[in-house]
C-alpha atoms as a PDB file:
ATOM      1  CA  MET A   1      -7.672  -7.248 -27.315  1.00  0.00           C
ATOM      2  CA  ARG A   2      -6.462 -10.524 -25.867  1.00  0.00           C
ATOM      3  CA  THR A   3      -5.435 -10.840 -22.239  1.00  0.00           C
ATOM      4  CA  THR A   4      -3.151 -13.574 -20.953  1.00  0.00           C
ATOM      5  CA  PRO A   5      -2.659 -14.087 -17.220  1.00  0.00           C
ATOM      6  CA  ARG A   6       0.297 -16.060 -16.007  1.00  0.00           C
ATOM      7  CA  SER A   7       1.914 -17.031 -12.741  1.00  0.00           C
ATOM      8  CA  MET A   8       5.675 -17.430 -12.654  1.00  0.00           C
ATOM      9  CA  LEU A   9       6.462 -18.972  -9.291  1.00  0.00           C
ATOM     10  CA  ALA A  10       9.779 -19.123  -7.470  1.00  0.00           C
ATOM     11  CA  PRO A  11      12.364 -21.783  -8.412  1.00  0.00           C
ATOM     12  CA  ALA A  12      11.249 -25.306  -7.598  1.00  0.00           C
ATOM     13  CA  LEU A  13      13.747 -25.707  -4.762  1.00  0.00           C
ATOM     14  CA  ALA A  14      12.317 -22.753  -2.836  1.00  0.00           C
ATOM     15  CA  LEU A  15       8.669 -23.324  -3.674  1.00  0.00           C
ATOM     16  CA  PRO A  16       7.557 -25.598  -0.785  1.00  0.00           C
ATOM     17  CA  CYS A  17       8.851 -23.209   1.898  1.00  0.00           C
ATOM     18  CA  LEU A  18       7.442 -20.219   0.068  1.00  0.00           C
ATOM     19  CA  LEU A  19       3.958 -21.605  -0.255  1.00  0.00           C
ATOM     20  CA  LEU A  20       3.961 -22.695   3.386  1.00  0.00           C
ATOM     21  CA  ALA A  21       4.938 -19.199   4.508  1.00  0.00           C
ATOM     22  CA  PHE A  22       2.246 -17.536   2.433  1.00  0.00           C
ATOM     23  CA  ALA A  23      -0.366 -20.020   3.586  1.00  0.00           C
ATOM     24  CA  SER A  24       0.403 -19.017   7.189  1.00  0.00           C
ATOM     25  CA  ALA A  25      -0.523 -15.355   6.680  1.00  0.00           C
ATOM     26  CA  PRO A  26      -3.527 -14.187   8.750  1.00  0.00           C
ATOM     27  CA  ALA A  27      -6.780 -15.019   7.030  1.00  0.00           C
ATOM     28  CA  GLN A  28      -8.176 -11.487   7.413  1.00  0.00           C
ATOM     29  CA  GLN A  29      -5.426 -10.164   5.160  1.00  0.00           C
ATOM     30  CA  SER A  30      -6.838 -12.040   2.184  1.00  0.00           C
ATOM     31  CA  THR A  31     -10.248 -11.209   0.772  1.00  0.00           C
ATOM     32  CA  ALA A  32      -9.941 -13.521  -2.227  1.00  0.00           C
ATOM     33  CA  THR A  33      -9.307 -17.207  -2.758  1.00  0.00           C
ATOM     34  CA  ASP A  34      -5.618 -18.085  -2.659  1.00  0.00           C
ATOM     35  CA  TYR A  35      -3.909 -18.136  -6.042  1.00  0.00           C
ATOM     36  CA  HIS A  36      -1.722 -21.233  -6.367  1.00  0.00           C
ATOM     37  CA  GLY A  37      -1.213 -21.192  -2.600  1.00  0.00           C
ATOM     38  CA  ILE A  38      -0.461 -17.452  -2.476  1.00  0.00           C
ATOM     39  CA  PRO A  39      -2.880 -15.482  -0.255  1.00  0.00           C
ATOM     40  CA  GLY A  40      -3.636 -11.791  -0.445  1.00  0.00           C
ATOM     41  CA  ARG A  41      -4.473  -9.863  -3.601  1.00  0.00           C
ATOM     42  CA  ALA A  42      -2.943 -12.229  -6.162  1.00  0.00           C
ATOM     43  CA  ALA A  43      -6.195 -14.022  -7.011  1.00  0.00           C
ATOM     44  CA  ARG A  44      -8.119 -10.772  -7.340  1.00  0.00           C
ATOM     45  CA  PHE A  45      -5.348  -9.321  -9.481  1.00  0.00           C
ATOM     46  CA  MET A  46      -5.494 -12.248 -11.895  1.00  0.00           C
ATOM     47  CA  ASP A  47      -9.311 -12.157 -11.990  1.00  0.00           C
ATOM     48  CA  ASN A  48      -9.184  -8.488 -12.936  1.00  0.00           C
ATOM     49  CA  CYS A  49      -6.720  -9.372 -15.661  1.00  0.00           C
ATOM     50  CA  HIS A  50      -9.245 -11.831 -17.123  1.00  0.00           C
ATOM     51  CA  ASP A  51     -11.943  -9.146 -16.986  1.00  0.00           C
ATOM     52  CA  ARG A  52      -9.927  -6.913 -19.289  1.00  0.00           C
ATOM     53  CA  ASP A  53     -10.764  -9.240 -22.181  1.00  0.00           C
ATOM     54  CA  ASN A  54     -13.737  -6.984 -22.868  1.00  0.00           C
ATOM     55  CA  ASP A  55     -11.823  -3.694 -22.761  1.00  0.00           C
ATOM     56  CA  ASP A  56     -11.847  -1.508 -25.846  1.00  0.00           C
ATOM     57  CA  HIS A  57      -8.147  -0.658 -25.643  1.00  0.00           C
ATOM     58  CA  PRO A  58      -6.210  -1.753 -28.735  1.00  0.00           C
ATOM     59  CA  ASP A  59      -3.214  -3.013 -26.747  1.00  0.00           C
ATOM     60  CA  ASP A  60      -2.785  -6.506 -25.350  1.00  0.00           C
ATOM     61  CA  VAL A  61      -2.395  -7.205 -21.636  1.00  0.00           C
ATOM     62  CA  PHE A  62      -0.190  -9.758 -19.914  1.00  0.00           C
ATOM     63  CA  CYS A  63      -0.340 -10.380 -16.147  1.00  0.00           C
ATOM     64  CA  GLU A  64       2.054 -12.287 -13.943  1.00  0.00           C
ATOM     65  CA  VAL A  65       2.347 -13.084 -10.227  1.00  0.00           C
ATOM     66  CA  ARG A  66       5.963 -13.387  -9.108  1.00  0.00           C
ATOM     67  CA  PRO A  67       6.547 -14.333  -5.428  1.00  0.00           C
ATOM     68  CA  SER A  68       9.853 -14.452  -3.550  1.00  0.00           C
ATOM     69  CA  THR A  69      11.039 -14.987   0.001  1.00  0.00           C
ATOM     70  CA  LEU A  70      13.755 -12.903   1.696  1.00  0.00           C
ATOM     71  CA  PRO A  71      15.549 -12.975   5.045  1.00  0.00           C
ATOM     72  CA  ALA A  72      14.299 -10.533   7.667  1.00  0.00           C
ATOM     73  CA  THR A  73      16.007  -7.156   7.684  1.00  0.00           C
ATOM     74  CA  SER A  74      15.831  -4.103   9.939  1.00  0.00           C
ATOM     75  CA  SER A  75      14.338  -1.941   7.187  1.00  0.00           C
ATOM     76  CA  LEU A  76      12.627  -2.246   3.816  1.00  0.00           C
ATOM     77  CA  ASP A  77      12.456   0.265   0.989  1.00  0.00           C
ATOM     78  CA  VAL A  78       9.594  -0.527  -1.417  1.00  0.00           C
ATOM     79  CA  ASP A  79       9.143   1.662  -4.486  1.00  0.00           C
ATOM     80  CA  GLY A  80       6.079   1.202  -6.691  1.00  0.00           C
ATOM     81  CA  ARG A  81       7.542   3.723  -9.146  1.00  0.00           C
ATOM     82  CA  GLN A  82       5.294   5.218 -11.810  1.00  0.00           C
ATOM     83  CA  ASN A  83       2.348   2.811 -11.884  1.00  0.00           C
ATOM     84  CA  GLY A  84       2.476   0.486  -8.880  1.00  0.00           C
ATOM     85  CA  SER A  85       0.807   0.294  -5.479  1.00  0.00           C
ATOM     86  CA  VAL A  86       2.373  -0.979  -2.249  1.00  0.00           C
ATOM     87  CA  ILE A  87       0.729  -3.097   0.456  1.00  0.00           C
ATOM     88  CA  VAL A  88       2.628  -4.153   3.603  1.00  0.00           C
ATOM     89  CA  HIS A  89       1.317  -6.525   6.270  1.00  0.00           C
ATOM     90  CA  GLY A  90       3.115  -7.035   9.565  1.00  0.00           C
ATOM     91  CA  TRP A  91       3.401 -10.630  10.770  1.00  0.00           C
ATOM     92  CA  ALA A  92       5.128 -12.678  13.474  1.00  0.00           C
ATOM     93  CA  LYS A  93       7.472 -14.635  11.190  1.00  0.00           C
ATOM     94  CA  ASN A  94      11.191 -13.868  10.963  1.00  0.00           C
ATOM     95  CA  SER A  95      11.176 -13.569   7.177  1.00  0.00           C
ATOM     96  CA  VAL A  96       9.919 -11.326   4.400  1.00  0.00           C
ATOM     97  CA  GLN A  97       7.567 -12.495   1.657  1.00  0.00           C
ATOM     98  CA  VAL A  98       7.170 -10.374  -1.462  1.00  0.00           C
ATOM     99  CA  VAL A  99       4.544 -10.881  -4.147  1.00  0.00           C
ATOM    100  CA  ALA A 100       5.118  -8.759  -7.251  1.00  0.00           C
ATOM    101  CA  LEU A 101       1.978  -8.222  -9.341  1.00  0.00           C
ATOM    102  CA  ILE A 102       3.187  -7.464 -12.858  1.00  0.00           C
ATOM    103  CA  GLU A 103       0.938  -6.083 -15.590  1.00  0.00           C
ATOM    104  CA  THR A 104       2.201  -5.153 -19.050  1.00  0.00           C
ATOM    105  CA  HIS A 105       0.442  -3.524 -22.002  1.00  0.00           C
ATOM    106  CA  ALA A 106       1.806  -3.648 -25.548  1.00  0.00           C
ATOM    107  CA  ARG A 107       0.746  -3.921 -29.177  1.00  0.00           C
ATOM    108  CA  GLY A 108       0.652  -7.671 -29.643  1.00  0.00           C
ATOM    109  CA  GLN A 109       0.484 -10.409 -27.066  1.00  0.00           C
ATOM    110  CA  ALA A 110       4.047 -11.574 -27.688  1.00  0.00           C
ATOM    111  CA  ASN A 111       5.346  -8.068 -27.030  1.00  0.00           C
ATOM    112  CA  ALA A 112       3.346  -7.773 -23.802  1.00  0.00           C
ATOM    113  CA  GLN A 113       4.651 -11.137 -22.602  1.00  0.00           C
ATOM    114  CA  GLN A 114       8.224 -10.238 -23.535  1.00  0.00           C
ATOM    115  CA  LEU A 115       7.922  -6.967 -21.668  1.00  0.00           C
ATOM    116  CA  ALA A 116       6.930  -8.846 -18.501  1.00  0.00           C
ATOM    117  CA  LYS A 117       9.659 -11.432 -18.984  1.00  0.00           C
ATOM    118  CA  GLY A 118      12.267  -8.689 -19.251  1.00  0.00           C
ATOM    119  CA  THR A 119      11.102  -6.898 -16.103  1.00  0.00           C
ATOM    120  CA  ARG A 120      13.372  -7.691 -13.166  1.00  0.00           C
ATOM    121  CA  ILE A 121      12.248  -7.443  -9.537  1.00  0.00           C
ATOM    122  CA  VAL A 122      15.177  -6.145  -7.490  1.00  0.00           C
ATOM    123  CA  THR A 123      15.247  -7.247  -3.834  1.00  0.00           C
ATOM    124  CA  ASP A 124      18.845  -6.494  -2.896  1.00  0.00           C
ATOM    125  CA  GLY A 125      19.773  -5.016   0.480  1.00  0.00           C
ATOM    126  CA  GLY A 126      16.208  -4.521   1.628  1.00  0.00           C
ATOM    127  CA  ARG A 127      15.360  -2.437  -1.468  1.00  0.00           C
ATOM    128  CA  ILE A 128      12.450  -3.639  -3.582  1.00  0.00           C
ATOM    129  CA  HIS A 129      11.651  -2.163  -6.998  1.00  0.00           C
ATOM    130  CA  ALA A 130      11.246  -3.152 -10.621  1.00  0.00           C
ATOM    131  CA  GLU A 131      13.647  -2.599 -13.513  1.00  0.00           C
ATOM    132  CA  ALA A 132      12.739  -3.008 -17.160  1.00  0.00           C
ATOM    133  CA  PRO A 133      15.337  -3.772 -19.849  1.00  0.00           C
ATOM    134  CA  SER A 134      17.098  -0.644 -21.104  1.00  0.00           C
ATOM    135  CA  ASP A 135      15.360  -0.745 -24.454  1.00  0.00           C
ATOM    136  CA  VAL A 136      11.895  -0.656 -22.854  1.00  0.00           C
ATOM    137  CA  ARG A 137      12.674   1.288 -19.682  1.00  0.00           C
ATOM    138  CA  SER A 138      10.467   4.170 -20.860  1.00  0.00           C
ATOM    139  CA  SER A 139       7.523   1.775 -20.775  1.00  0.00           C
ATOM    140  CA  PHE A 140       7.211   2.422 -17.029  1.00  0.00           C
ATOM    141  CA  ARG A 141       5.807   5.790 -18.078  1.00  0.00           C
ATOM    142  CA  GLY A 142       4.217   4.616 -21.275  1.00  0.00           C
ATOM    143  CA  ASP A 143       6.028   4.995 -24.574  1.00  0.00           C
ATOM    144  CA  GLY A 144       3.180   6.554 -26.526  1.00  0.00           C
ATOM    145  CA  ASN A 145       2.502   3.333 -28.424  1.00  0.00           C
ATOM    146  CA  GLY A 146       0.242   1.669 -25.883  1.00  0.00           C
ATOM    147  CA  SER A 147       3.087  -0.007 -23.954  1.00  0.00           C
ATOM    148  CA  TYR A 148       3.782   0.234 -20.249  1.00  0.00           C
ATOM    149  CA  VAL A 149       4.671  -1.795 -17.183  1.00  0.00           C
ATOM    150  CA  SER A 150       2.895  -1.689 -13.833  1.00  0.00           C
ATOM    151  CA  VAL A 151       4.368  -3.550 -10.867  1.00  0.00           C
ATOM    152  CA  SER A 152       2.556  -3.513  -7.531  1.00  0.00           C
ATOM    153  CA  TYR A 153       3.749  -5.257  -4.371  1.00  0.00           C
ATOM    154  CA  GLU A 154       2.154  -7.113  -1.498  1.00  0.00           C
ATOM    155  CA  VAL A 155       4.680  -7.673   1.278  1.00  0.00           C
ATOM    156  CA  TRP A 156       4.606  -9.582   4.567  1.00  0.00           C
ATOM    157  CA  ALA A 157       7.347  -8.472   7.004  1.00  0.00           C
ATOM    158  CA  PRO A 158       8.095  -8.708  10.746  1.00  0.00           C
ATOM    159  CA  ARG A 159       6.011  -6.120  12.592  1.00  0.00           C
ATOM    160  CA  GLY A 160       9.030  -4.146  13.793  1.00  0.00           C
ATOM    161  CA  THR A 161      10.546  -3.661  10.320  1.00  0.00           C
ATOM    162  CA  ASN A 162      11.152   0.011   9.486  1.00  0.00           C
ATOM    163  CA  LEU A 163       9.573   0.967   6.172  1.00  0.00           C
ATOM    164  CA  ASN A 164      10.183   3.508   3.436  1.00  0.00           C
ATOM    165  CA  LEU A 165       7.296   3.236   0.958  1.00  0.00           C
ATOM    166  CA  GLN A 166       6.945   5.199  -2.268  1.00  0.00           C
ATOM    167  CA  ALA A 167       4.612   5.359  -5.243  1.00  0.00           C
ATOM    168  CA  GLU A 168       3.722   7.849  -7.941  1.00  0.00           C
ATOM    169  CA  ASN A 169       0.402   6.617  -9.336  1.00  0.00           C
ATOM    170  CA  GLY A 170      -0.645   4.036  -6.802  1.00  0.00           C
ATOM    171  CA  SER A 171      -1.989   3.594  -3.303  1.00  0.00           C
ATOM    172  CA  ILE A 172      -0.069   2.663  -0.139  1.00  0.00           C
ATOM    173  CA  SER A 173      -1.537   0.411   2.543  1.00  0.00           C
ATOM    174  CA  VAL A 174       0.037  -0.730   5.834  1.00  0.00           C
ATOM    175  CA  ASP A 175      -1.413  -2.898   8.587  1.00  0.00           C
ATOM    176  CA  SER A 176      -0.231  -4.605  11.793  1.00  0.00           C
ATOM    177  CA  VAL A 177       3.105  -2.740  11.905  1.00  0.00           C
ATOM    178  CA  ASN A 178       4.848  -1.096  14.898  1.00  0.00           C
ATOM    179  CA  SER A 179       7.939   0.668  13.558  1.00  0.00           C
ATOM    180  CA  THR A 180       9.268   3.813  11.889  1.00  0.00           C
ATOM    181  CA  VAL A 181       7.437   4.326   8.597  1.00  0.00           C
ATOM    182  CA  ASP A 182       7.892   7.004   5.937  1.00  0.00           C
ATOM    183  CA  LEU A 183       5.412   6.834   3.086  1.00  0.00           C
ATOM    184  CA  GLN A 184       4.576   9.043   0.124  1.00  0.00           C
ATOM    185  CA  THR A 185       2.499   8.782  -3.018  1.00  0.00           C
ATOM    186  CA  SER A 186       1.529  11.440  -5.523  1.00  0.00           C
ATOM    187  CA  ASN A 187      -1.715  10.021  -6.909  1.00  0.00           C
ATOM    188  CA  GLY A 188      -3.238   7.400  -4.672  1.00  0.00           C
ATOM    189  CA  SER A 189      -4.834   6.791  -1.309  1.00  0.00           C
ATOM    190  CA  VAL A 190      -3.134   5.955   1.992  1.00  0.00           C
ATOM    191  CA  HIS A 191      -4.658   3.281   4.246  1.00  0.00           C
ATOM    192  CA  LEU A 192      -3.374   2.381   7.729  1.00  0.00           C
ATOM    193  CA  THR A 193      -4.884  -0.298   9.971  1.00  0.00           C
ATOM    194  CA  ASP A 194      -3.778  -1.406  13.458  1.00  0.00           C
ATOM    195  CA  VAL A 195      -0.452   0.439  13.346  1.00  0.00           C
ATOM    196  CA  ALA A 196       1.884   2.038  15.886  1.00  0.00           C
ATOM    197  CA  GLY A 197       5.364   3.553  16.081  1.00  0.00           C
ATOM    198  CA  ASP A 198       6.452   6.632  14.149  1.00  0.00           C
ATOM    199  CA  PHE A 199       4.450   7.219  10.943  1.00  0.00           C
ATOM    200  CA  ARG A 200       5.068  10.162   8.595  1.00  0.00           C
ATOM    201  CA  GLY A 201       3.969  10.996   5.060  1.00  0.00           C
ATOM    202  CA  GLY A 202       0.908  11.367   2.907  1.00  0.00           C
ATOM    203  CA  THR A 203      -0.421  11.865  -0.596  1.00  0.00           C
ATOM    204  CA  THR A 204      -0.983  14.712  -3.008  1.00  0.00           C
ATOM    205  CA  ASN A 205      -4.160  13.431  -4.657  1.00  0.00           C
ATOM    206  CA  GLY A 206      -5.977  10.813  -2.639  1.00  0.00           C
ATOM    207  CA  SER A 207      -7.717  10.035   0.610  1.00  0.00           C
ATOM    208  CA  VAL A 208      -6.129   9.189   3.965  1.00  0.00           C
ATOM    209  CA  VAL A 209      -7.892   6.432   5.921  1.00  0.00           C
ATOM    210  CA  VAL A 210      -6.654   5.382   9.373  1.00  0.00           C
ATOM    211  CA  ASP A 211      -8.225   2.647  11.527  1.00  0.00           C
ATOM    212  CA  LEU A 212      -6.637   2.340  14.976  1.00  0.00           C
ATOM    213  CA  SER A 213      -6.959  -0.274  17.705  1.00  0.00           C
ATOM    214  CA  GLY A 214      -6.036  -0.590  21.384  1.00  0.00           C
ATOM    215  CA  ASP A 215      -6.445   2.150  23.981  1.00  0.00           C
ATOM    216  CA  LYS A 216      -3.589   4.495  22.998  1.00  0.00           C
ATOM    217  CA  TRP A 217      -0.929   5.149  20.399  1.00  0.00           C
ATOM    218  CA  SER A 218       2.277   3.262  21.124  1.00  0.00           C
ATOM    219  CA  GLY A 219       5.302   5.142  19.800  1.00  0.00           C
ATOM    220  CA  SER A 220       6.304   8.644  18.727  1.00  0.00           C
ATOM    221  CA  GLY A 221       3.123   9.443  16.843  1.00  0.00           C
ATOM    222  CA  LEU A 222       1.430   9.751  13.479  1.00  0.00           C
ATOM    223  CA  ASP A 223       1.557  12.673  11.028  1.00  0.00           C
ATOM    224  CA  LEU A 224      -0.257  12.295   7.685  1.00  0.00           C
ATOM    225  CA  ARG A 225      -1.447  14.863   5.152  1.00  0.00           C
ATOM    226  CA  THR A 226      -3.295  14.939   1.859  1.00  0.00           C
ATOM    227  CA  ILE A 227      -3.636  17.949  -0.403  1.00  0.00           C
ATOM    228  CA  ASN A 228      -6.642  16.843  -2.442  1.00  0.00           C
ATOM    229  CA  GLY A 229      -8.658  14.208  -0.650  1.00  0.00           C
ATOM    230  CA  GLY A 230     -10.656  13.416   2.435  1.00  0.00           C
ATOM    231  CA  VAL A 231      -9.412  12.227   5.813  1.00  0.00           C
ATOM    232  CA  ARG A 232     -11.129   9.459   7.773  1.00  0.00           C
ATOM    233  CA  LEU A 233      -9.971   8.377  11.237  1.00  0.00           C
ATOM    234  CA  SER A 234     -11.594   5.529  13.211  1.00  0.00           C
ATOM    235  CA  LEU A 235     -10.558   4.704  16.765  1.00  0.00           C
ATOM    236  CA  PRO A 236     -11.879   2.862  19.835  1.00  0.00           C
ATOM    237  CA  SER A 237     -14.097   4.760  22.278  1.00  0.00           C
ATOM    238  CA  ASN A 238     -11.449   4.596  25.054  1.00  0.00           C
ATOM    239  CA  TYR A 239      -8.541   5.738  22.895  1.00  0.00           C
ATOM    240  CA  SER A 240      -6.072   8.282  24.340  1.00  0.00           C
ATOM    241  CA  ALA A 241      -3.937  10.593  22.192  1.00  0.00           C
ATOM    242  CA  ARG A 242      -3.282  14.227  21.356  1.00  0.00           C
ATOM    243  CA  LEU A 243      -5.360  14.764  18.199  1.00  0.00           C
ATOM    244  CA  THR A 244      -4.742  17.477  15.617  1.00  0.00           C
ATOM    245  CA  THR A 245      -6.842  17.639  12.464  1.00  0.00           C
ATOM    246  CA  GLY A 246      -8.182  20.190  10.033  1.00  0.00           C
ATOM    247  CA  THR A 247      -9.059  21.214   6.505  1.00  0.00           C
ATOM    248  CA  VAL A 248      -8.871  24.402   4.474  1.00  0.00           C
ATOM    249  CA  ASN A 249     -11.678  23.607   2.028  1.00  0.00           C
ATOM    250  CA  GLY A 250     -14.049  21.016   3.409  1.00  0.00           C
ATOM    251  CA  GLY A 251     -16.249  20.082   6.327  1.00  0.00           C
ATOM    252  CA  MET A 252     -15.398  18.392   9.618  1.00  0.00           C
ATOM    253  CA  ASN A 253     -17.533  15.639  11.111  1.00  0.00           C
ATOM    254  CA  ILE A 254     -16.608  14.294  14.567  1.00  0.00           C
ATOM    255  CA  ASP A 255     -19.191  11.911  15.997  1.00  0.00           C
ATOM    256  CA  PHE A 256     -18.276  12.347  19.695  1.00  0.00           C
ATOM    257  CA  PRO A 257     -17.852  15.332  22.043  1.00  0.00           C
ATOM    258  CA  ILE A 258     -14.424  16.984  22.261  1.00  0.00           C
ATOM    259  CA  THR A 259     -13.045  19.823  24.371  1.00  0.00           C
ATOM    260  CA  LEU A 260     -11.505  22.822  22.607  1.00  0.00           C
ATOM    261  CA  GLN A 261      -9.704  25.864  23.950  1.00  0.00           C
ATOM    262  CA  GLY A 262      -8.993  29.207  22.324  1.00  0.00           C
ATOM    263  CA  ARG A 263     -10.051  30.279  18.844  1.00  0.00           C
ATOM    264  CA  ILE A 264     -11.845  27.639  16.813  1.00  0.00           C
ATOM    265  CA  GLY A 265     -10.804  27.708  13.164  1.00  0.00           C
ATOM    266  CA  ARG A 266     -10.142  25.268  10.364  1.00  0.00           C
ATOM    267  CA  GLU A 267      -7.696  23.293  12.517  1.00  0.00           C
ATOM    268  CA  ILE A 268      -8.491  21.779  15.886  1.00  0.00           C
ATOM    269  CA  GLU A 269      -6.281  20.278  18.575  1.00  0.00           C
ATOM    270  CA  THR A 270      -7.602  18.343  21.547  1.00  0.00           C
ATOM    271  CA  ASN A 271      -6.807  15.570  24.001  1.00  0.00           C
ATOM    272  CA  LEU A 272      -8.639  12.316  23.508  1.00  0.00           C
ATOM    273  CA  GLY A 273      -9.048  10.424  26.770  1.00  0.00           C
ATOM    274  CA  GLN A 274      -5.939  10.997  28.851  1.00  0.00           C
ATOM    275  CA  GLY A 275      -4.018  12.549  25.973  1.00  0.00           C
ATOM    276  CA  GLY A 276      -0.715  11.113  24.857  1.00  0.00           C
ATOM    277  CA  ALA A 277       1.264  10.750  21.654  1.00  0.00           C
ATOM    278  CA  PRO A 278       0.372  13.153  18.824  1.00  0.00           C
ATOM    279  CA  ILE A 279      -1.926  11.979  16.045  1.00  0.00           C
ATOM    280  CA  ARG A 280      -2.093  14.522  13.230  1.00  0.00           C
ATOM    281  CA  VAL A 281      -4.229  13.993  10.101  1.00  0.00           C
ATOM    282  CA  MET A 282      -4.716  16.972   7.801  1.00  0.00           C
ATOM    283  CA  THR A 283      -6.154  17.851   4.401  1.00  0.00           C
ATOM    284  CA  THR A 284      -6.217  20.990   2.304  1.00  0.00           C
ATOM    285  CA  ASN A 285      -9.092  20.214  -0.063  1.00  0.00           C
ATOM    286  CA  GLY A 286     -11.367  17.604   1.439  1.00  0.00           C
ATOM    287  CA  GLY A 287     -13.543  16.691   4.375  1.00  0.00           C
ATOM    288  CA  VAL A 288     -12.509  15.295   7.745  1.00  0.00           C
ATOM    289  CA  THR A 289     -14.434  12.452   9.411  1.00  0.00           C
ATOM    290  CA  ILE A 290     -13.487  11.126  12.849  1.00  0.00           C
ATOM    291  CA  ARG A 291     -15.550   8.436  14.461  1.00  0.00           C
ATOM    292  CA  ARG A 292     -15.440   6.004  17.357  1.00  0.00           C
ATOM    293  CA  LYS A 293     -15.864   2.290  16.682  1.00  0.00           C
END
């Protein structure tokens, strides 16, 4: 199998502004060296593409990084569809930066490259998703001949942008956002860091990991659930909220004292600190870990 990575950057006229905007993203949001001036996961994505040279799969792989810049909008709808993950970072700029990470598999390198070339990233009206040409549209699911398309997204948006995030076989990650957020994936983890506002959603098969900051939740609250996966919540020692958590099949590990009233079962509800907005993190089949930082 032969793997070919490629970066297709924005049109030359828009490139200087785009690279400047990406270079201004907070350093902690990138754990890899910038890829052609693009921070975040792009470099890691392309490195992983190189590593697939040694895979035993008979199909060829083609990888492409496709960035774009959009005007700020009140809400964003990002859909990873069948095989993509979604990452959203909040930032202070009044613009939206989108990096589409495109990976195609096909029998023959030319076919894999053509499949990527024919995949269009739609960014109209605050809606972001991928569309393949009609004759290869089934490749999003896999056509039975070793061909498919995976498009993941890393997005930088103003912190107050409302978000609707979806995936089927991919994870969802959000950090530094204070807004209304609905998120749902079927097979993938959910990660939240330094968030506030009104968060709702979860996953069917995957873990839920939440890392909070500050001294209280700012906004309406948080309500996340997984069916098959563990829950991990980290929060400062002086954090105030109304906490609800529980599991049907799994253990609970809370590393600080809490006060409970009434019957103690598989679900607990308690005030942390002075109480406050509701924070609800639940699982059906998995353990619960809550710790102070």
